[in-house]
């Protein structure tokens, strides 16, 4: 079932038309909904969905880091999708992409898009561009198997357990399979004392990421003699950006 069955699009198509040009028959007879969805900003894409991402202020950071490659994204993977409605938002924002969610088996089935006793919005439709894989994001070999299944991922977003050890484990497993950007949400869990349980085994930011940044600075400031070598991950990182409780690691 495709987006053409989603009443949400009829409303947003009209709003986007008003924003960008006078209403015309030719627009109403647009060649495809893909062209319309490309004009959607991320707030439009997540409109009406039961997910806190936009209320948490993650919209602008996502657009700043994803927009440049938006039309090229063919596979998008989110770790930790709960009841799954964020996958609908990503499918709207990335009109050409296969959207893959990863969730623990005990939390499924996400494909029902239910949140406890709350029923999904009437406009939410399931379609063949959304898949959910059930497994543990702490299982490196399983993650690699899933990545291989889809030929790698253009973008990976970790919204999983928020525990530093899981963030690091998943990143180390999936970075080699990531083409453009690897993002991790809710970094306040690595910084604030009340979330101490999240960093009991590993602090992803103050520990792992900070060590990468220090090493990069060290190498940058050294006279290039060939004696110092980047490890396999360091040398593939183009830039690291921090923005409102989200880290974006660009390849």
C-alpha atoms as a PDB file:
ATOM      1  CA  UNK A   1       0.000   0.000   0.000  1.00  0.00           C
ATOM      2  CA  UNK A   2       1.506   3.327  -1.014  1.00  0.00           C
ATOM      3  CA  UNK A   3       1.352   6.948   0.120  1.00  0.00           C
ATOM      4  CA  UNK A   4      -1.368   7.732  -2.380  1.00  0.00           C
ATOM      5  CA  UNK A   5      -3.728   6.025   0.088  1.00  0.00           C
ATOM      6  CA  UNK A   6      -2.692   8.381   2.889  1.00  0.00           C
ATOM      7  CA  UNK A   7      -5.208  11.261   3.375  1.00  0.00           C
ATOM      8  CA  UNK A   8      -2.400  13.198   5.066  1.00  0.00           C
ATOM      9  CA  UNK A   9      -0.858  13.731   1.641  1.00  0.00           C
ATOM     10  CA  UNK A  10      -3.938  15.322   0.166  1.00  0.00           C
ATOM     11  CA  UNK A  11      -3.843  18.000   2.840  1.00  0.00           C
ATOM     12  CA  UNK A  12      -0.077  18.540   2.652  1.00  0.00           C
ATOM     13  CA  UNK A  13      -0.083  18.599  -1.142  1.00  0.00           C
ATOM     14  CA  UNK A  14      -2.496  21.520  -1.005  1.00  0.00           C
ATOM     15  CA  UNK A  15      -0.426  23.307   1.686  1.00  0.00           C
ATOM     16  CA  UNK A  16       2.829  22.833  -0.237  1.00  0.00           C
ATOM     17  CA  UNK A  17       1.139  24.084  -3.399  1.00  0.00           C
ATOM     18  CA  UNK A  18       0.052  27.264  -1.608  1.00  0.00           C
ATOM     19  CA  UNK A  19       3.564  27.772  -0.192  1.00  0.00           C
ATOM     20  CA  UNK A  20       5.364  27.396  -3.504  1.00  0.00           C
ATOM     21  CA  UNK A  21       3.099  28.498  -6.329  1.00  0.00           C
ATOM     22  CA  UNK A  22      -0.475  29.499  -7.226  1.00  0.00           C
ATOM     23  CA  UNK A  23      -2.882  26.544  -7.460  1.00  0.00           C
ATOM     24  CA  UNK A  24      -3.009  25.116 -10.950  1.00  0.00           C
ATOM     25  CA  UNK A  25      -4.465  22.052 -12.594  1.00  0.00           C
ATOM     26  CA  UNK A  26      -1.009  21.031 -13.710  1.00  0.00           C
ATOM     27  CA  UNK A  27       0.152  20.865 -10.097  1.00  0.00           C
ATOM     28  CA  UNK A  28      -2.853  18.814  -9.096  1.00  0.00           C
ATOM     29  CA  UNK A  29      -1.945  16.448 -11.905  1.00  0.00           C
ATOM     30  CA  UNK A  30       1.683  16.241 -10.801  1.00  0.00           C
ATOM     31  CA  UNK A  31       3.576  13.372 -12.345  1.00  0.00           C
ATOM     32  CA  UNK A  32       4.170  11.621  -9.027  1.00  0.00           C
ATOM     33  CA  UNK A  33       3.838  11.944  -5.285  1.00  0.00           C
ATOM     34  CA  UNK A  34       7.617  11.606  -5.087  1.00  0.00           C
ATOM     35  CA  UNK A  35       8.001  15.124  -6.476  1.00  0.00           C
ATOM     36  CA  UNK A  36       5.590  16.409  -3.862  1.00  0.00           C
ATOM     37  CA  UNK A  37       7.280  14.620  -0.982  1.00  0.00           C
ATOM     38  CA  UNK A  38      10.660  16.032  -1.995  1.00  0.00           C
ATOM     39  CA  UNK A  39       9.289  19.488  -1.238  1.00  0.00           C
ATOM     40  CA  UNK A  40       8.183  18.447   2.249  1.00  0.00           C
ATOM     41  CA  UNK A  41      10.201  19.702   5.168  1.00  0.00           C
ATOM     42  CA  UNK A  42      10.773  17.317   8.015  1.00  0.00           C
ATOM     43  CA  UNK A  43       8.034  18.856  10.148  1.00  0.00           C
ATOM     44  CA  UNK A  44       5.531  18.123   7.383  1.00  0.00           C
ATOM     45  CA  UNK A  45       6.822  14.562   7.084  1.00  0.00           C
ATOM     46  CA  UNK A  46       6.311  13.826  10.778  1.00  0.00           C
ATOM     47  CA  UNK A  47       2.984  15.658  11.000  1.00  0.00           C
ATOM     48  CA  UNK A  48       0.213  13.780  12.785  1.00  0.00           C
ATOM     49  CA  UNK A  49       2.454  10.950  13.993  1.00  0.00           C
ATOM     50  CA  UNK A  50       2.793   9.697  17.564  1.00  0.00           C
ATOM     51  CA  UNK A  51       6.517  10.333  17.939  1.00  0.00           C
ATOM     52  CA  UNK A  52       8.302  12.987  20.055  1.00  0.00           C
ATOM     53  CA  UNK A  53      11.137  13.754  17.614  1.00  0.00           C
ATOM     54  CA  UNK A  54       9.837  17.134  16.442  1.00  0.00           C
ATOM     55  CA  UNK A  55       8.759  18.228  19.941  1.00  0.00           C
ATOM     56  CA  UNK A  56      12.266  17.464  21.178  1.00  0.00           C
ATOM     57  CA  UNK A  57      13.673  19.890  18.618  1.00  0.00           C
ATOM     58  CA  UNK A  58      15.410  17.296  16.452  1.00  0.00           C
ATOM     59  CA  UNK A  59      13.836  18.507  13.187  1.00  0.00           C
ATOM     60  CA  UNK A  60      16.310  21.297  12.278  1.00  0.00           C
ATOM     61  CA  UNK A  61      19.417  19.219  13.114  1.00  0.00           C
ATOM     62  CA  UNK A  62      18.121  16.375  10.960  1.00  0.00           C
ATOM     63  CA  UNK A  63      17.437  18.682   8.028  1.00  0.00           C
ATOM     64  CA  UNK A  64      20.867  20.313   8.408  1.00  0.00           C
ATOM     65  CA  UNK A  65      22.593  16.943   8.155  1.00  0.00           C
ATOM     66  CA  UNK A  66      20.308  14.875   5.909  1.00  0.00           C
ATOM     67  CA  UNK A  67      18.960  17.346   3.342  1.00  0.00           C
ATOM     68  CA  UNK A  68      22.066  17.404   1.150  1.00  0.00           C
ATOM     69  CA  UNK A  69      21.815  13.668   0.436  1.00  0.00           C
ATOM     70  CA  UNK A  70      18.057  13.320   0.746  1.00  0.00           C
ATOM     71  CA  UNK A  71      17.427  12.434  -2.882  1.00  0.00           C
ATOM     72  CA  UNK A  72      20.271   9.899  -2.899  1.00  0.00           C
ATOM     73  CA  UNK A  73      19.199   7.921   0.167  1.00  0.00           C
ATOM     74  CA  UNK A  74      18.071   4.423  -0.816  1.00  0.00           C
ATOM     75  CA  UNK A  75      18.255   2.750   2.609  1.00  0.00           C
ATOM     76  CA  UNK A  76      17.604   4.306   6.016  1.00  0.00           C
ATOM     77  CA  UNK A  77      17.921   2.318   9.240  1.00  0.00           C
ATOM     78  CA  UNK A  78      16.620   3.347  12.660  1.00  0.00           C
ATOM     79  CA  UNK A  79      17.669   1.388  15.745  1.00  0.00           C
ATOM     80  CA  UNK A  80      14.968   1.381  18.406  1.00  0.00           C
ATOM     81  CA  UNK A  81      11.578   2.193  16.892  1.00  0.00           C
ATOM     82  CA  UNK A  82       9.163   1.317  19.725  1.00  0.00           C
ATOM     83  CA  UNK A  83       5.679   1.327  18.154  1.00  0.00           C
ATOM     84  CA  UNK A  84       7.108   2.277  14.776  1.00  0.00           C
ATOM     85  CA  UNK A  85       5.462   5.534  13.777  1.00  0.00           C
ATOM     86  CA  UNK A  86       8.774   7.332  13.259  1.00  0.00           C
ATOM     87  CA  UNK A  87       9.333   4.940  10.348  1.00  0.00           C
ATOM     88  CA  UNK A  88       6.322   6.496   8.611  1.00  0.00           C
ATOM     89  CA  UNK A  89       7.887   9.938   9.050  1.00  0.00           C
ATOM     90  CA  UNK A  90      11.185   8.792   7.572  1.00  0.00           C
ATOM     91  CA  UNK A  91       9.420   7.149   4.638  1.00  0.00           C
ATOM     92  CA  UNK A  92       7.787  10.481   3.867  1.00  0.00           C
ATOM     93  CA  UNK A  93      11.009  12.453   4.225  1.00  0.00           C
ATOM     94  CA  UNK A  94      13.070  10.012   2.142  1.00  0.00           C
ATOM     95  CA  UNK A  95      10.733   9.266  -0.791  1.00  0.00           C
ATOM     96  CA  UNK A  96      13.145   6.927  -2.579  1.00  0.00           C
ATOM     97  CA  UNK A  97      14.346   4.913   0.404  1.00  0.00           C
ATOM     98  CA  UNK A  98      13.712   1.529   1.928  1.00  0.00           C
ATOM     99  CA  UNK A  99      13.097   2.227   5.624  1.00  0.00           C
ATOM    100  CA  UNK A 100      14.350  -0.417   8.046  1.00  0.00           C
ATOM    101  CA  UNK A 101      13.548  -0.431  11.740  1.00  0.00           C
ATOM    102  CA  UNK A 102      15.350  -2.522  14.360  1.00  0.00           C
ATOM    103  CA  UNK A 103      13.559  -3.450  17.571  1.00  0.00           C
ATOM    104  CA  UNK A 104      13.781  -6.050  20.320  1.00  0.00           C
ATOM    105  CA  UNK A 105      11.491  -9.055  19.781  1.00  0.00           C
ATOM    106  CA  UNK A 106       9.830  -8.491  23.163  1.00  0.00           C
ATOM    107  CA  UNK A 107       8.673  -5.042  22.019  1.00  0.00           C
ATOM    108  CA  UNK A 108       7.033  -6.212  18.772  1.00  0.00           C
ATOM    109  CA  UNK A 109       5.232  -6.344  16.583  1.00  0.00           C
ATOM    110  CA  UNK A 110       6.076  -2.783  15.518  1.00  0.00           C
ATOM    111  CA  UNK A 111       4.359  -3.276  12.185  1.00  0.00           C
ATOM    112  CA  UNK A 112       1.033  -2.914  13.986  1.00  0.00           C
ATOM    113  CA  UNK A 113       2.012   0.707  14.785  1.00  0.00           C
ATOM    114  CA  UNK A 114       0.326   0.644  18.151  1.00  0.00           C
ATOM    115  CA  UNK A 115       1.487   2.378  21.305  1.00  0.00           C
ATOM    116  CA  UNK A 116       0.097   0.558  24.306  1.00  0.00           C
ATOM    117  CA  UNK A 117      -3.662   0.987  24.273  1.00  0.00           C
ATOM    118  CA  UNK A 118      -3.449   3.982  21.949  1.00  0.00           C
ATOM    119  CA  UNK A 119      -4.621   3.257  18.422  1.00  0.00           C
ATOM    120  CA  UNK A 120      -2.600   4.493  15.443  1.00  0.00           C
ATOM    121  CA  UNK A 121      -3.895   7.609  13.634  1.00  0.00           C
ATOM    122  CA  UNK A 122      -6.381   6.813  10.883  1.00  0.00           C
ATOM    123  CA  UNK A 123      -4.056   8.222   8.190  1.00  0.00           C
ATOM    124  CA  UNK A 124      -1.177   5.875   9.036  1.00  0.00           C
ATOM    125  CA  UNK A 125      -0.724   3.252   6.341  1.00  0.00           C
ATOM    126  CA  UNK A 126       1.796   0.435   6.142  1.00  0.00           C
ATOM    127  CA  UNK A 127       3.509   0.009   2.800  1.00  0.00           C
ATOM    128  CA  UNK A 128       6.231  -2.112   1.287  1.00  0.00           C
ATOM    129  CA  UNK A 129       9.024   0.446   1.795  1.00  0.00           C
ATOM    130  CA  UNK A 130       8.958  -0.133   5.568  1.00  0.00           C
ATOM    131  CA  UNK A 131      10.470  -3.241   7.119  1.00  0.00           C
ATOM    132  CA  UNK A 132      11.087  -4.107  10.772  1.00  0.00           C
ATOM    133  CA  UNK A 133      13.837  -6.502  11.834  1.00  0.00           C
ATOM    134  CA  UNK A 134      13.649  -7.994  15.330  1.00  0.00           C
ATOM    135  CA  UNK A 135      16.876  -8.504  17.221  1.00  0.00           C
ATOM    136  CA  UNK A 136      19.336  -7.064  19.730  1.00  0.00           C
ATOM    137  CA  UNK A 137      21.351  -3.932  18.856  1.00  0.00           C
ATOM    138  CA  UNK A 138      24.044  -5.246  21.216  1.00  0.00           C
ATOM    139  CA  UNK A 139      24.579  -8.234  18.923  1.00  0.00           C
ATOM    140  CA  UNK A 140      27.262  -7.065  16.496  1.00  0.00           C
ATOM    141  CA  UNK A 141      27.134 -10.111  14.263  1.00  0.00           C
ATOM    142  CA  UNK A 142      23.359  -9.927  13.933  1.00  0.00           C
ATOM    143  CA  UNK A 143      23.549  -6.216  13.038  1.00  0.00           C
ATOM    144  CA  UNK A 144      26.132  -6.950  10.354  1.00  0.00           C
ATOM    145  CA  UNK A 145      23.912  -9.704   8.980  1.00  0.00           C
ATOM    146  CA  UNK A 146      20.985  -7.291   8.706  1.00  0.00           C
ATOM    147  CA  UNK A 147      23.194  -4.646   7.085  1.00  0.00           C
ATOM    148  CA  UNK A 148      24.368  -7.167   4.499  1.00  0.00           C
ATOM    149  CA  UNK A 149      20.779  -8.206   3.852  1.00  0.00           C
ATOM    150  CA  UNK A 150      19.972  -4.674   2.651  1.00  0.00           C
ATOM    151  CA  UNK A 151      23.292  -3.982   0.972  1.00  0.00           C
ATOM    152  CA  UNK A 152      24.327  -1.560   3.700  1.00  0.00           C
ATOM    153  CA  UNK A 153      22.593   1.619   4.855  1.00  0.00           C
ATOM    154  CA  UNK A 154      22.935   5.151   3.517  1.00  0.00           C
ATOM    155  CA  UNK A 155      21.959   6.587   6.914  1.00  0.00           C
ATOM    156  CA  UNK A 156      21.773   4.954  10.336  1.00  0.00           C
ATOM    157  CA  UNK A 157      19.981   6.571  13.289  1.00  0.00           C
ATOM    158  CA  UNK A 158      20.433   5.157  16.794  1.00  0.00           C
ATOM    159  CA  UNK A 159      17.418   5.891  19.017  1.00  0.00           C
ATOM    160  CA  UNK A 160      17.820   2.639  20.893  1.00  0.00           C
ATOM    161  CA  UNK A 161      18.580   1.991  24.569  1.00  0.00           C
ATOM    162  CA  UNK A 162      20.515   5.266  25.153  1.00  0.00           C
ATOM    163  CA  UNK A 163      23.167   3.275  26.996  1.00  0.00           C
ATOM    164  CA  UNK A 164      26.715   4.192  26.078  1.00  0.00           C
ATOM    165  CA  UNK A 165      27.876   0.608  25.669  1.00  0.00           C
ATOM    166  CA  UNK A 166      25.057  -0.122  23.195  1.00  0.00           C
ATOM    167  CA  UNK A 167      25.726   3.100  21.264  1.00  0.00           C
ATOM    168  CA  UNK A 168      29.378   2.135  20.873  1.00  0.00           C
ATOM    169  CA  UNK A 169      28.657  -1.514  20.025  1.00  0.00           C
ATOM    170  CA  UNK A 170      26.113  -0.625  17.337  1.00  0.00           C
ATOM    171  CA  UNK A 171      28.337   2.069  15.844  1.00  0.00           C
ATOM    172  CA  UNK A 172      31.353  -0.234  15.634  1.00  0.00           C
ATOM    173  CA  UNK A 173      29.204  -2.904  13.979  1.00  0.00           C
ATOM    174  CA  UNK A 174      27.441  -0.685  11.444  1.00  0.00           C
ATOM    175  CA  UNK A 175      29.897   2.089  10.553  1.00  0.00           C
ATOM    176  CA  UNK A 176      31.517   0.069   7.784  1.00  0.00           C
ATOM    177  CA  UNK A 177      28.045  -0.473   6.288  1.00  0.00           C
ATOM    178  CA  UNK A 178      27.090   3.243   6.476  1.00  0.00           C
ATOM    179  CA  UNK A 179      27.432   5.308   3.302  1.00  0.00           C
ATOM    180  CA  UNK A 180      26.619   8.896   4.337  1.00  0.00           C
ATOM    181  CA  UNK A 181      25.754   9.609   7.984  1.00  0.00           C
ATOM    182  CA  UNK A 182      25.552   7.783  11.321  1.00  0.00           C
ATOM    183  CA  UNK A 183      23.478   9.667  13.901  1.00  0.00           C
ATOM    184  CA  UNK A 184      22.820   9.032  17.589  1.00  0.00           C
ATOM    185  CA  UNK A 185      19.925  10.661  19.449  1.00  0.00           C
ATOM    186  CA  UNK A 186      19.370  11.686  23.068  1.00  0.00           C
ATOM    187  CA  UNK A 187      22.955  12.482  24.032  1.00  0.00           C
ATOM    188  CA  UNK A 188      21.757  14.111  27.253  1.00  0.00           C
ATOM    189  CA  UNK A 189      21.705  10.550  28.599  1.00  0.00           C
ATOM    190  CA  UNK A 190      25.509  10.571  28.306  1.00  0.00           C
ATOM    191  CA  UNK A 191      25.955  13.957  29.947  1.00  0.00           C
ATOM    192  CA  UNK A 192      23.494  14.372  32.831  1.00  0.00           C
ATOM    193  CA  UNK A 193      23.998  12.802  36.261  1.00  0.00           C
ATOM    194  CA  UNK A 194      20.420  11.560  36.536  1.00  0.00           C
ATOM    195  CA  UNK A 195      21.138   9.180  33.642  1.00  0.00           C
ATOM    196  CA  UNK A 196      24.194   7.661  35.313  1.00  0.00           C
ATOM    197  CA  UNK A 197      22.898   4.155  34.639  1.00  0.00           C
ATOM    198  CA  UNK A 198      23.257   4.851  30.903  1.00  0.00           C
ATOM    199  CA  UNK A 199      27.021   5.344  31.200  1.00  0.00           C
ATOM    200  CA  UNK A 200      27.801   2.691  33.786  1.00  0.00           C
ATOM    201  CA  UNK A 201      29.789   0.564  31.323  1.00  0.00           C
ATOM    202  CA  UNK A 202      30.694   3.128  28.658  1.00  0.00           C
ATOM    203  CA  UNK A 203      30.200   6.843  28.019  1.00  0.00           C
ATOM    204  CA  UNK A 204      29.761   7.116  24.267  1.00  0.00           C
ATOM    205  CA  UNK A 205      30.493  10.857  24.135  1.00  0.00           C
ATOM    206  CA  UNK A 206      32.962  11.523  26.976  1.00  0.00           C
ATOM    207  CA  UNK A 207      34.633   8.195  26.358  1.00  0.00           C
ATOM    208  CA  UNK A 208      34.614   6.824  22.844  1.00  0.00           C
ATOM    209  CA  UNK A 209      33.833   9.891  20.685  1.00  0.00           C
ATOM    210  CA  UNK A 210      36.110  12.158  22.714  1.00  0.00           C
ATOM    211  CA  UNK A 211      38.969   9.687  22.232  1.00  0.00           C
ATOM    212  CA  UNK A 212      38.441   9.830  18.455  1.00  0.00           C
ATOM    213  CA  UNK A 213      38.440  13.638  18.468  1.00  0.00           C
ATOM    214  CA  UNK A 214      41.607  13.793  20.580  1.00  0.00           C
ATOM    215  CA  UNK A 215      43.384  11.353  18.278  1.00  0.00           C
ATOM    216  CA  UNK A 216      42.347  13.313  15.184  1.00  0.00           C
ATOM    217  CA  UNK A 217      43.662  16.539  16.703  1.00  0.00           C
ATOM    218  CA  UNK A 218      46.883  14.830  17.709  1.00  0.00           C
ATOM    219  CA  UNK A 219      47.497  13.514  14.200  1.00  0.00           C
ATOM    220  CA  UNK A 220      46.503  16.817  12.595  1.00  0.00           C
ATOM    221  CA  UNK A 221      49.030  18.704  14.702  1.00  0.00           C
ATOM    222  CA  UNK A 222      51.838  16.234  14.063  1.00  0.00           C
ATOM    223  CA  UNK A 223      54.419  16.525  11.355  1.00  0.00           C
ATOM    224  CA  UNK A 224      53.324  13.945   8.792  1.00  0.00           C
ATOM    225  CA  UNK A 225      56.080  11.358   8.895  1.00  0.00           C
ATOM    226  CA  UNK A 226      54.075   8.267   8.133  1.00  0.00           C
ATOM    227  CA  UNK A 227      54.751   6.869  11.597  1.00  0.00           C
ATOM    228  CA  UNK A 228      51.260   7.557  12.897  1.00  0.00           C
ATOM    229  CA  UNK A 229      48.402   5.628  11.321  1.00  0.00           C
ATOM    230  CA  UNK A 230      44.678   6.192  11.523  1.00  0.00           C
ATOM    231  CA  UNK A 231      42.669   3.186  12.616  1.00  0.00           C
ATOM    232  CA  UNK A 232      40.099   1.851  10.160  1.00  0.00           C
ATOM    233  CA  UNK A 233      37.269   3.940  11.607  1.00  0.00           C
ATOM    234  CA  UNK A 234      39.116   7.218  12.169  1.00  0.00           C
ATOM    235  CA  UNK A 235      40.314   7.486   8.606  1.00  0.00           C
ATOM    236  CA  UNK A 236      36.791   7.119   7.196  1.00  0.00           C
ATOM    237  CA  UNK A 237      35.215   9.849   9.341  1.00  0.00           C
ATOM    238  CA  UNK A 238      34.920  13.082   7.380  1.00  0.00           C
ATOM    239  CA  UNK A 239      33.365  15.246  10.085  1.00  0.00           C
ATOM    240  CA  UNK A 240      31.647  14.960  13.479  1.00  0.00           C
ATOM    241  CA  UNK A 241      28.835  17.389  14.302  1.00  0.00           C
ATOM    242  CA  UNK A 242      27.046  17.905  17.608  1.00  0.00           C
ATOM    243  CA  UNK A 243      23.625  19.531  17.440  1.00  0.00           C
ATOM    244  CA  UNK A 244      20.930  19.631  20.127  1.00  0.00           C
ATOM    245  CA  UNK A 245      21.444  16.245  21.794  1.00  0.00           C
ATOM    246  CA  UNK A 246      22.241  14.497  18.515  1.00  0.00           C
ATOM    247  CA  UNK A 247      25.644  13.577  17.092  1.00  0.00           C
ATOM    248  CA  UNK A 248      26.101  13.257  13.325  1.00  0.00           C
ATOM    249  CA  UNK A 249      29.137  11.348  12.095  1.00  0.00           C
ATOM    250  CA  UNK A 250      29.641  11.958   8.378  1.00  0.00           C
ATOM    251  CA  UNK A 251      31.605   9.582   6.169  1.00  0.00           C
END
